[in-house]
Amino acid sequence: MNNLPKRKTIRLKHYDYSQNGYYFITICTHNKQNLFNLNNESAVQNQIITKWLSELENKFKTEIDYYVIMPDHIHFILIINPTERHTGRSLPDMMQWFKTMTTNEYIKLVKNNILKPFDKKLWQKSYYEHIIRNDQDYIQTVEYIINNPLKYSLDRTD
C-alpha cells in the first residue's frame, strides 16, 4: 500500500482549462536548481526557453504575453484567444508538452557538454497557474513579471 501523502491540486474544480482567457504561469526548476541566467537573453539555456515558448504559441495557436526567465523559474502570461484557431488542448497538456520539449533539448546540450547537468529532473512536477480575471489583475501580473528580476536580485544582496 502506498503511504505517500496525496498532492493537493491547485486547479479549480470544474474549470475548463482549454477555454479562452489569460493565464499567469510559473514553472520552477526541480529542487530550485539555478539553471538559467537572470536577464541574459543570449545565454544558451535561456534561448531554449524562448524558443519553446515561441513553439508553444505556434503548436497550440496561443499567445505568450509578458515573460521573464529567472535562474530557478520562469513566469509568463499565456493567452488562449477566441479570435485565433486555438487547438482546443488544455493548459495542462500545453505545460506538459513545453516541459518535455525544454527538458529534451536541455539534455541534448548537456550530452554535448554545452550546458551543466541538472539533478534528476529539469522541472518540478507541477506548475503554478492563476486565471487572470480582469484588467486590474492583468496589470498587477504584468508588473509582478517585470519587477521580478529586480526583486530577486535585491533579495540576494541583503
Protein backbone atom coordinates (compact mmCIF):
# COMPACT_ATOMS: atom_id res chain seq x y z
CA MET A 1 0.00 0.00 0.00
CA ASN A 2 1.28 3.46 -0.90
CA ASN A 3 1.53 5.70 2.20
CA LEU A 4 2.83 8.76 0.38
CA PRO A 5 0.86 11.94 1.00
CA LYS A 6 -1.54 12.91 -1.75
CA ARG A 7 -0.60 16.02 -3.65
CA LYS A 8 -3.15 18.79 -3.25
CA THR A 9 -4.30 20.14 -6.59
CA ILE A 10 -4.30 23.89 -7.10
CA ARG A 11 -6.57 23.71 -10.15
CA LEU A 12 -10.13 24.98 -9.94
CA LYS A 13 -12.64 22.15 -9.89
CA HIS A 14 -14.91 22.05 -12.92
CA TYR A 15 -12.96 24.82 -14.72
CA ASP A 16 -12.29 24.22 -18.41
CA TYR A 17 -8.57 24.95 -18.83
CA SER A 18 -8.91 24.93 -22.61
CA GLN A 19 -11.26 27.91 -22.66
CA ASN A 20 -10.31 31.37 -23.81
CA GLY A 21 -8.55 33.53 -21.26
CA TYR A 22 -5.34 34.88 -19.80
CA TYR A 23 -3.30 32.57 -17.59
CA PHE A 24 -0.32 33.54 -15.42
CA ILE A 25 2.07 30.57 -15.33
CA THR A 26 5.08 29.87 -13.12
CA ILE A 27 7.25 26.82 -13.72
CA CYS A 28 10.07 26.10 -11.25
CA THR A 29 13.16 24.01 -11.74
CA HIS A 30 13.40 20.76 -9.81
CA ASN A 31 14.74 21.44 -6.29
CA LYS A 32 15.06 25.14 -7.22
CA GLN A 33 18.27 24.50 -9.17
CA ASN A 34 19.80 27.65 -10.66
CA LEU A 35 19.94 26.53 -14.28
CA PHE A 36 19.09 29.72 -16.15
CA ASN A 37 20.70 33.16 -16.35
CA LEU A 38 18.97 36.21 -14.95
CA ASN A 39 18.29 38.79 -17.68
CA ASN A 40 20.62 37.21 -20.22
CA GLU A 41 18.72 36.61 -23.45
CA SER A 42 21.84 35.32 -25.21
CA ALA A 43 22.55 32.52 -22.72
CA VAL A 44 22.06 29.14 -24.38
CA GLN A 45 19.78 27.84 -21.64
CA ASN A 46 17.61 30.97 -21.88
CA GLN A 47 17.41 30.53 -25.64
CA ILE A 48 15.87 27.10 -25.02
CA ILE A 49 13.05 28.68 -23.03
CA THR A 50 12.49 31.47 -25.54
CA LYS A 51 12.47 29.01 -28.45
CA TRP A 52 9.96 26.65 -26.87
CA LEU A 53 7.67 29.47 -25.71
CA SER A 54 7.52 30.52 -29.35
CA GLU A 55 6.91 26.93 -30.45
CA LEU A 56 4.16 26.66 -27.81
CA GLU A 57 2.43 29.63 -29.46
CA ASN A 58 2.72 28.01 -32.89
CA LYS A 59 1.71 24.49 -31.92
CA PHE A 60 -1.30 25.37 -29.77
CA LYS A 61 -2.33 28.61 -31.51
CA THR A 62 -1.93 30.61 -28.31
CA GLU A 63 -0.05 33.78 -27.47
CA ILE A 64 2.69 34.38 -24.92
CA ASP A 65 2.42 37.84 -23.45
CA TYR A 66 5.00 39.07 -20.95
CA TYR A 67 7.56 36.55 -19.72
CA VAL A 68 10.70 36.50 -17.62
CA ILE A 69 13.37 33.84 -17.19
CA MET A 70 14.76 33.63 -13.67
CA PRO A 71 17.64 31.40 -12.50
CA ASP A 72 15.29 28.81 -10.99
CA HIS A 73 11.89 29.53 -12.54
CA ILE A 74 10.03 31.19 -15.37
CA HIS A 75 6.91 33.36 -15.38
CA PHE A 76 4.71 34.10 -18.36
CA ILE A 77 1.22 35.04 -19.40
CA LEU A 78 -0.37 32.60 -21.81
CA ILE A 79 -3.37 33.81 -23.78
CA ILE A 80 -5.91 31.45 -25.26
CA ASN A 81 -7.57 33.77 -27.74
CA PRO A 82 -11.04 33.35 -29.22
CA THR A 83 -10.03 35.07 -32.47
CA GLU A 84 -7.24 32.56 -33.15
CA ARG A 85 -7.72 28.96 -34.22
CA HIS A 86 -6.84 27.51 -30.81
CA THR A 87 -6.27 23.75 -30.92
CA GLY A 88 -8.64 23.09 -28.02
CA ARG A 89 -5.91 21.45 -25.98
CA SER A 90 -5.97 22.15 -22.25
CA LEU A 91 -3.46 24.20 -20.29
CA PRO A 92 -2.09 21.08 -18.52
CA ASP A 93 -1.47 19.46 -21.93
CA MET A 94 0.39 22.56 -23.09
CA MET A 95 2.53 22.76 -19.95
CA GLN A 96 3.40 19.05 -20.14
CA TRP A 97 4.45 19.47 -23.78
CA PHE A 98 6.52 22.59 -23.00
CA LYS A 99 8.31 20.90 -20.09
CA THR A 100 9.02 17.79 -22.19
CA MET A 101 10.42 19.75 -25.11
CA THR A 102 12.63 22.01 -22.99
CA THR A 103 13.89 19.04 -21.00
CA ASN A 104 14.76 17.07 -24.14
CA GLU A 105 16.69 19.96 -25.63
CA TYR A 106 18.46 20.71 -22.35
CA ILE A 107 19.53 17.05 -22.06
CA LYS A 108 20.89 17.11 -25.62
CA LEU A 109 23.04 20.15 -24.77
CA VAL A 110 24.26 18.53 -21.54
CA LYS A 111 25.33 15.46 -23.54
CA ASN A 112 27.24 17.76 -25.91
CA ASN A 113 28.97 19.42 -22.93
CA ILE A 114 27.37 22.77 -23.67
CA LEU A 115 25.27 23.01 -20.50
CA LYS A 116 25.86 21.80 -16.98
CA PRO A 117 23.90 18.74 -15.84
CA PHE A 118 20.82 19.07 -13.69
CA ASP A 119 19.78 16.97 -10.70
CA LYS A 120 17.42 14.18 -11.90
CA LYS A 121 14.72 16.42 -13.40
CA LEU A 122 14.74 19.80 -15.07
CA TRP A 123 11.31 20.91 -13.81
CA GLN A 124 9.21 20.41 -10.71
CA LYS A 125 6.33 18.01 -11.12
CA SER A 126 3.61 20.62 -11.46
CA TYR A 127 3.38 24.33 -12.14
CA TYR A 128 1.55 27.31 -10.67
CA GLU A 129 -1.26 28.87 -12.65
CA HIS A 130 -3.53 31.82 -11.96
CA ILE A 131 -6.50 32.70 -14.13
CA ILE A 132 -6.33 36.43 -14.82
CA ARG A 133 -9.84 37.68 -14.24
CA ASN A 134 -9.87 41.39 -15.14
CA ASP A 135 -7.78 44.37 -16.28
CA GLN A 136 -6.54 45.19 -12.77
CA ASP A 137 -5.45 41.59 -12.23
CA TYR A 138 -3.66 41.69 -15.61
CA ILE A 139 -1.83 44.95 -14.75
CA GLN A 140 -0.70 43.57 -11.37
CA THR A 141 0.51 40.37 -13.01
CA VAL A 142 2.49 42.24 -15.68
CA GLU A 143 4.06 44.47 -13.00
CA TYR A 144 5.00 41.37 -11.00
CA ILE A 145 6.67 39.78 -14.03
CA ILE A 146 8.53 42.96 -14.96
CA ASN A 147 9.72 43.61 -11.39
CA ASN A 148 10.64 40.02 -10.54
CA PRO A 149 14.30 40.18 -11.68
CA LEU A 150 14.99 43.29 -9.59
CA LYS A 151 13.23 41.82 -6.55
CA TYR A 152 15.18 38.58 -7.00
CA SER A 153 18.48 40.49 -7.15
CA LEU A 154 17.64 42.65 -4.14
CA ASP A 155 16.63 39.62 -2.09
CA ARG A 156 20.08 38.12 -2.66
CA THR A 157 22.04 41.22 -1.67
CA ASP A 158 20.54 41.53 1.81
